[in-house]
N, C-alpha and C. Protein backbone atom coordinates (compact mmCIF):
# COMPACT_ATOMS: atom_id res chain seq x y z
N TYR A 1 1.17 -9.03 16.47
CA TYR A 1 0.62 -7.95 15.67
C TYR A 1 0.08 -8.46 14.33
N ILE A 2 0.83 -9.37 13.70
CA ILE A 2 0.37 -9.92 12.42
C ILE A 2 -0.94 -10.67 12.61
N MET A 3 -1.02 -11.43 13.70
CA MET A 3 -2.25 -12.18 13.97
C MET A 3 -3.42 -11.21 14.16
N HIS A 4 -3.20 -10.15 14.89
CA HIS A 4 -4.25 -9.17 15.13
C HIS A 4 -4.70 -8.50 13.84
N GLU A 5 -3.77 -8.20 12.95
CA GLU A 5 -4.07 -7.47 11.72
C GLU A 5 -4.59 -8.34 10.58
N CYS A 6 -4.11 -9.59 10.51
CA CYS A 6 -4.32 -10.36 9.27
C CYS A 6 -5.00 -11.71 9.45
N ASP A 7 -5.17 -12.18 10.66
CA ASP A 7 -5.68 -13.54 10.86
C ASP A 7 -7.17 -13.53 11.13
N GLU A 8 -7.83 -14.60 10.72
CA GLU A 8 -9.27 -14.76 10.94
C GLU A 8 -9.58 -15.28 12.34
N ILE A 9 -8.55 -15.72 13.06
CA ILE A 9 -8.75 -16.24 14.41
C ILE A 9 -8.06 -15.34 15.43
N THR A 10 -8.52 -15.41 16.67
CA THR A 10 -7.94 -14.62 17.74
C THR A 10 -6.90 -15.44 18.49
N PHE A 11 -6.26 -14.82 19.48
CA PHE A 11 -5.24 -15.51 20.27
C PHE A 11 -5.78 -16.74 21.00
N ASP A 12 -7.07 -16.72 21.34
CA ASP A 12 -7.66 -17.87 22.03
C ASP A 12 -8.35 -18.83 21.06
N ASN A 13 -7.95 -18.77 19.78
CA ASN A 13 -8.39 -19.70 18.74
C ASN A 13 -9.88 -19.62 18.44
N LYS A 14 -10.46 -18.43 18.58
CA LYS A 14 -11.87 -18.21 18.24
C LYS A 14 -11.94 -17.36 16.99
N PRO A 15 -12.99 -17.55 16.18
CA PRO A 15 -13.13 -16.71 14.98
C PRO A 15 -13.32 -15.24 15.35
N ARG A 16 -12.79 -14.36 14.54
CA ARG A 16 -12.98 -12.93 14.77
C ARG A 16 -14.41 -12.55 14.45
N GLY A 17 -14.93 -11.64 15.23
CA GLY A 17 -16.29 -11.17 15.02
C GLY A 17 -16.33 -9.99 14.07
N PRO A 18 -17.52 -9.59 13.67
CA PRO A 18 -17.66 -8.47 12.73
C PRO A 18 -17.18 -7.14 13.31
N ASP A 19 -17.15 -7.01 14.61
CA ASP A 19 -16.70 -5.77 15.25
C ASP A 19 -15.19 -5.72 15.47
N ASP A 20 -14.48 -6.76 15.05
CA ASP A 20 -13.04 -6.84 15.28
C ASP A 20 -12.22 -6.10 14.21
N GLY A 21 -12.88 -5.48 13.25
CA GLY A 21 -12.17 -4.71 12.23
C GLY A 21 -11.85 -5.51 10.99
N VAL A 22 -11.22 -4.84 10.05
CA VAL A 22 -10.87 -5.43 8.77
C VAL A 22 -9.74 -6.43 8.94
N VAL A 23 -9.86 -7.56 8.26
CA VAL A 23 -8.79 -8.56 8.26
C VAL A 23 -7.98 -8.34 6.98
N ASN A 24 -6.71 -8.06 7.15
CA ASN A 24 -5.85 -7.78 6.00
C ASN A 24 -5.40 -9.05 5.29
N THR A 25 -4.81 -8.89 4.12
CA THR A 25 -4.42 -10.00 3.27
C THR A 25 -3.07 -10.59 3.68
N TYR A 26 -2.76 -11.75 3.09
CA TYR A 26 -1.47 -12.38 3.34
C TYR A 26 -0.30 -11.51 2.85
N PRO A 27 -0.39 -10.90 1.67
CA PRO A 27 0.70 -9.99 1.29
C PRO A 27 0.92 -8.87 2.30
N HIS A 28 -0.15 -8.40 2.93
CA HIS A 28 0.00 -7.38 3.97
C HIS A 28 0.78 -7.96 5.16
N ALA A 29 0.48 -9.20 5.52
CA ALA A 29 1.20 -9.87 6.61
C ALA A 29 2.69 -10.01 6.26
N GLN A 30 2.98 -10.32 5.01
CA GLN A 30 4.37 -10.43 4.57
C GLN A 30 5.10 -9.09 4.71
N LYS A 31 4.40 -8.02 4.39
CA LYS A 31 5.01 -6.68 4.50
C LYS A 31 5.27 -6.32 5.96
N ILE A 32 4.34 -6.67 6.84
CA ILE A 32 4.55 -6.41 8.27
C ILE A 32 5.77 -7.19 8.75
N ARG A 33 5.86 -8.46 8.37
CA ARG A 33 7.00 -9.27 8.79
C ARG A 33 8.31 -8.70 8.24
N ALA A 34 8.30 -8.26 7.00
CA ALA A 34 9.50 -7.66 6.41
C ALA A 34 9.91 -6.41 7.18
N ALA A 35 8.93 -5.62 7.60
CA ALA A 35 9.24 -4.42 8.39
C ALA A 35 9.84 -4.80 9.73
N PHE A 36 9.28 -5.83 10.38
CA PHE A 36 9.85 -6.31 11.65
C PHE A 36 11.26 -6.83 11.45
N THR A 37 11.47 -7.60 10.39
CA THR A 37 12.80 -8.16 10.12
C THR A 37 13.81 -7.04 9.94
N HIS A 38 13.43 -6.02 9.19
CA HIS A 38 14.32 -4.87 9.00
C HIS A 38 14.58 -4.15 10.32
N ALA A 39 13.51 -3.88 11.06
CA ALA A 39 13.66 -3.12 12.31
C ALA A 39 14.55 -3.87 13.31
N PHE A 40 14.26 -5.15 13.52
CA PHE A 40 15.08 -5.92 14.46
C PHE A 40 16.51 -6.09 13.95
N GLY A 41 16.63 -6.35 12.66
CA GLY A 41 17.95 -6.63 12.09
C GLY A 41 18.84 -5.43 11.93
N ARG A 42 18.31 -4.37 11.36
CA ARG A 42 19.13 -3.20 11.04
C ARG A 42 19.08 -2.13 12.13
N ILE A 43 17.88 -1.76 12.53
CA ILE A 43 17.74 -0.66 13.48
C ILE A 43 18.22 -1.07 14.87
N HIS A 44 17.83 -2.28 15.29
CA HIS A 44 18.23 -2.74 16.63
C HIS A 44 19.49 -3.61 16.61
N GLY A 45 20.06 -3.82 15.42
CA GLY A 45 21.34 -4.51 15.30
C GLY A 45 21.33 -5.99 15.65
N LEU A 46 20.19 -6.67 15.47
CA LEU A 46 20.11 -8.09 15.81
C LEU A 46 20.46 -9.00 14.64
N GLY A 47 20.70 -8.45 13.47
CA GLY A 47 21.13 -9.23 12.32
C GLY A 47 20.02 -10.06 11.70
N SER A 48 20.45 -11.07 10.93
CA SER A 48 19.48 -11.91 10.22
C SER A 48 19.51 -13.36 10.67
N ALA A 49 20.25 -13.65 11.72
CA ALA A 49 20.28 -15.02 12.25
C ALA A 49 18.94 -15.33 12.91
N PRO A 50 18.48 -16.57 12.80
CA PRO A 50 17.21 -16.93 13.45
C PRO A 50 17.28 -16.74 14.97
N TRP A 51 16.16 -16.42 15.56
CA TRP A 51 16.01 -16.23 17.00
C TRP A 51 16.28 -17.56 17.68
N HIS A 52 17.17 -17.58 18.63
CA HIS A 52 17.52 -18.82 19.33
C HIS A 52 18.14 -18.52 20.68
N LYS A 53 18.11 -19.52 21.55
CA LYS A 53 18.71 -19.37 22.88
C LYS A 53 20.12 -19.92 22.82
N SER A 54 21.08 -19.13 23.25
CA SER A 54 22.47 -19.54 23.26
C SER A 54 22.68 -20.64 24.29
N GLU A 55 23.36 -21.71 23.88
CA GLU A 55 23.66 -22.79 24.81
C GLU A 55 24.72 -22.38 25.82
N VAL A 56 25.56 -21.42 25.44
CA VAL A 56 26.64 -20.97 26.31
C VAL A 56 26.15 -19.95 27.34
N SER A 57 25.58 -18.85 26.86
CA SER A 57 25.16 -17.77 27.77
C SER A 57 23.72 -17.90 28.22
N GLU A 58 22.95 -18.76 27.58
CA GLU A 58 21.52 -18.94 27.82
C GLU A 58 20.72 -17.65 27.58
N LYS A 59 21.28 -16.74 26.77
CA LYS A 59 20.58 -15.53 26.36
C LYS A 59 19.95 -15.77 25.00
N TRP A 60 18.88 -15.01 24.71
CA TRP A 60 18.24 -15.09 23.41
C TRP A 60 19.02 -14.22 22.43
N LEU A 61 19.33 -14.77 21.27
CA LEU A 61 20.12 -14.08 20.25
C LEU A 61 19.39 -14.15 18.91
N GLY A 62 19.76 -13.27 18.00
CA GLY A 62 19.22 -13.29 16.64
C GLY A 62 18.00 -12.42 16.49
N ASN A 63 17.32 -12.62 15.37
CA ASN A 63 16.20 -11.79 14.97
C ASN A 63 14.89 -12.55 15.22
N PRO A 64 14.02 -12.05 16.12
CA PRO A 64 12.77 -12.76 16.44
C PRO A 64 11.86 -12.99 15.23
N SER A 65 11.89 -12.10 14.25
CA SER A 65 10.99 -12.26 13.10
C SER A 65 11.49 -13.32 12.13
N VAL A 66 12.67 -13.87 12.39
CA VAL A 66 13.22 -14.93 11.54
C VAL A 66 13.20 -16.27 12.29
N SER A 67 12.44 -16.35 13.36
CA SER A 67 12.39 -17.57 14.16
C SER A 67 11.63 -18.68 13.45
N ASP A 68 11.84 -19.91 13.90
CA ASP A 68 11.10 -21.06 13.36
C ASP A 68 9.61 -20.92 13.64
N VAL A 69 9.27 -20.41 14.81
CA VAL A 69 7.86 -20.24 15.17
C VAL A 69 7.19 -19.25 14.21
N MET A 70 7.87 -18.16 13.92
CA MET A 70 7.32 -17.15 13.02
C MET A 70 7.16 -17.71 11.60
N SER A 71 8.15 -18.45 11.14
CA SER A 71 8.07 -19.05 9.80
C SER A 71 6.91 -20.03 9.71
N THR A 72 6.75 -20.85 10.74
CA THR A 72 5.65 -21.82 10.78
C THR A 72 4.30 -21.10 10.79
N TYR A 73 4.20 -20.03 11.59
CA TYR A 73 2.96 -19.27 11.64
C TYR A 73 2.62 -18.66 10.28
N MET A 74 3.62 -18.10 9.61
CA MET A 74 3.37 -17.48 8.30
C MET A 74 2.92 -18.51 7.27
N MET A 75 3.52 -19.70 7.30
CA MET A 75 3.08 -20.75 6.37
C MET A 75 1.64 -21.17 6.67
N SER A 76 1.32 -21.28 7.96
CA SER A 76 -0.03 -21.64 8.36
C SER A 76 -1.04 -20.56 7.95
N LEU A 77 -0.66 -19.31 8.16
CA LEU A 77 -1.54 -18.20 7.77
C LEU A 77 -1.79 -18.23 6.26
N HIS A 78 -0.74 -18.46 5.49
CA HIS A 78 -0.90 -18.52 4.03
C HIS A 78 -1.84 -19.65 3.63
N ARG A 79 -1.65 -20.80 4.23
CA ARG A 79 -2.50 -21.96 3.92
C ARG A 79 -3.96 -21.65 4.24
N ARG A 80 -4.22 -21.04 5.40
CA ARG A 80 -5.60 -20.71 5.77
C ARG A 80 -6.20 -19.64 4.88
N LYS A 81 -5.39 -18.66 4.47
CA LYS A 81 -5.88 -17.62 3.57
C LYS A 81 -6.27 -18.21 2.22
N VAL A 82 -5.45 -19.12 1.70
CA VAL A 82 -5.76 -19.76 0.41
C VAL A 82 -7.02 -20.59 0.53
N ARG A 83 -7.16 -21.35 1.61
CA ARG A 83 -8.37 -22.15 1.83
C ARG A 83 -9.62 -21.29 1.91
N ALA A 84 -9.46 -20.08 2.45
CA ALA A 84 -10.60 -19.16 2.59
C ALA A 84 -10.92 -18.46 1.27
N GLY A 85 -10.12 -18.71 0.23
CA GLY A 85 -10.41 -18.14 -1.07
C GLY A 85 -9.56 -16.96 -1.48
N GLU A 86 -8.62 -16.56 -0.64
CA GLU A 86 -7.75 -15.45 -1.03
C GLU A 86 -6.81 -15.91 -2.14
N THR A 87 -6.73 -15.12 -3.17
CA THR A 87 -5.86 -15.50 -4.28
C THR A 87 -4.47 -14.90 -4.08
N SER A 88 -3.48 -15.67 -4.44
CA SER A 88 -2.11 -15.20 -4.33
C SER A 88 -1.84 -14.19 -5.43
N THR A 89 -1.09 -13.18 -5.11
CA THR A 89 -0.69 -12.21 -6.12
C THR A 89 0.79 -12.39 -6.41
N SER A 90 1.12 -12.37 -7.66
CA SER A 90 2.51 -12.53 -8.06
C SER A 90 3.09 -11.17 -8.42
N ALA A 91 4.36 -11.05 -8.19
CA ALA A 91 5.04 -9.82 -8.61
C ALA A 91 5.14 -9.82 -10.12
N ARG A 92 5.09 -8.65 -10.69
CA ARG A 92 5.25 -8.60 -12.14
C ARG A 92 6.47 -7.75 -12.47
N ALA A 93 7.07 -8.05 -13.58
CA ALA A 93 8.28 -7.36 -13.98
C ALA A 93 7.97 -5.92 -14.37
N ILE A 94 8.91 -5.04 -14.12
CA ILE A 94 8.77 -3.66 -14.55
C ILE A 94 9.30 -3.56 -15.98
N THR A 95 8.45 -3.14 -16.86
CA THR A 95 8.81 -3.04 -18.27
C THR A 95 9.48 -1.70 -18.55
N PRO A 96 10.18 -1.58 -19.67
CA PRO A 96 10.77 -0.29 -20.04
C PRO A 96 9.71 0.83 -20.13
N THR A 97 8.51 0.49 -20.55
CA THR A 97 7.44 1.49 -20.65
C THR A 97 7.07 2.03 -19.27
N ILE A 98 6.95 1.12 -18.29
CA ILE A 98 6.62 1.55 -16.93
C ILE A 98 7.74 2.41 -16.36
N LEU A 99 8.99 2.00 -16.57
CA LEU A 99 10.13 2.79 -16.09
C LEU A 99 10.13 4.18 -16.71
N SER A 100 9.82 4.26 -17.98
CA SER A 100 9.77 5.55 -18.66
C SER A 100 8.69 6.45 -18.06
N LYS A 101 7.52 5.88 -17.79
CA LYS A 101 6.43 6.65 -17.18
C LYS A 101 6.82 7.13 -15.78
N LEU A 102 7.47 6.26 -15.00
CA LEU A 102 7.93 6.65 -13.66
C LEU A 102 8.94 7.79 -13.74
N TYR A 103 9.87 7.67 -14.67
CA TYR A 103 10.88 8.72 -14.84
C TYR A 103 10.22 10.05 -15.21
N ASP A 104 9.32 10.00 -16.20
CA ASP A 104 8.63 11.21 -16.64
C ASP A 104 7.87 11.86 -15.48
N HIS A 105 7.16 11.04 -14.70
CA HIS A 105 6.39 11.56 -13.57
C HIS A 105 7.31 12.20 -12.53
N ASN A 106 8.41 11.53 -12.21
CA ASN A 106 9.30 12.01 -11.13
C ASN A 106 10.17 13.19 -11.53
N THR A 107 10.30 13.48 -12.81
CA THR A 107 11.13 14.61 -13.23
C THR A 107 10.30 15.88 -13.50
N GLU A 108 8.99 15.79 -13.33
CA GLU A 108 8.15 16.97 -13.50
C GLU A 108 8.11 17.75 -12.18
N PRO A 109 8.53 19.01 -12.18
CA PRO A 109 8.56 19.81 -10.94
C PRO A 109 7.23 19.88 -10.21
N LYS A 110 6.10 19.82 -10.94
CA LYS A 110 4.80 19.90 -10.28
C LYS A 110 4.55 18.71 -9.34
N ASN A 111 5.28 17.61 -9.54
CA ASN A 111 5.12 16.43 -8.70
C ASN A 111 6.09 16.39 -7.52
N TRP A 112 6.88 17.43 -7.33
CA TRP A 112 7.88 17.44 -6.27
C TRP A 112 7.33 17.88 -4.92
N ASP A 113 6.25 18.62 -4.92
CA ASP A 113 5.68 19.10 -3.66
C ASP A 113 4.98 17.95 -2.94
N VAL A 114 5.17 17.92 -1.63
CA VAL A 114 4.55 16.86 -0.83
C VAL A 114 3.18 17.26 -0.40
């Protein structure tokens, strides 16, 4: 899914065409992976251990989104995005002013309706 949404190449290693839709950013790919990690880990109860095959039972255990293959793919995607000119975005700290504005906005009854 991440490859389909965020990568410039297709599953058969060909460049995506103009009709293949919008290619999302690396931060978007990180958010998708975080959602998968949460879903597999918490909702499906697979935890946070890396995906691996048990030597004893020969069953697959752990969280697929935390696998070595997934980590390698994400590093590769990041490297290709940077080479293509995508700039990395850094998180910024929330200042007291921003917190105050958030509080003011969220305590106004007119903002409570969905």
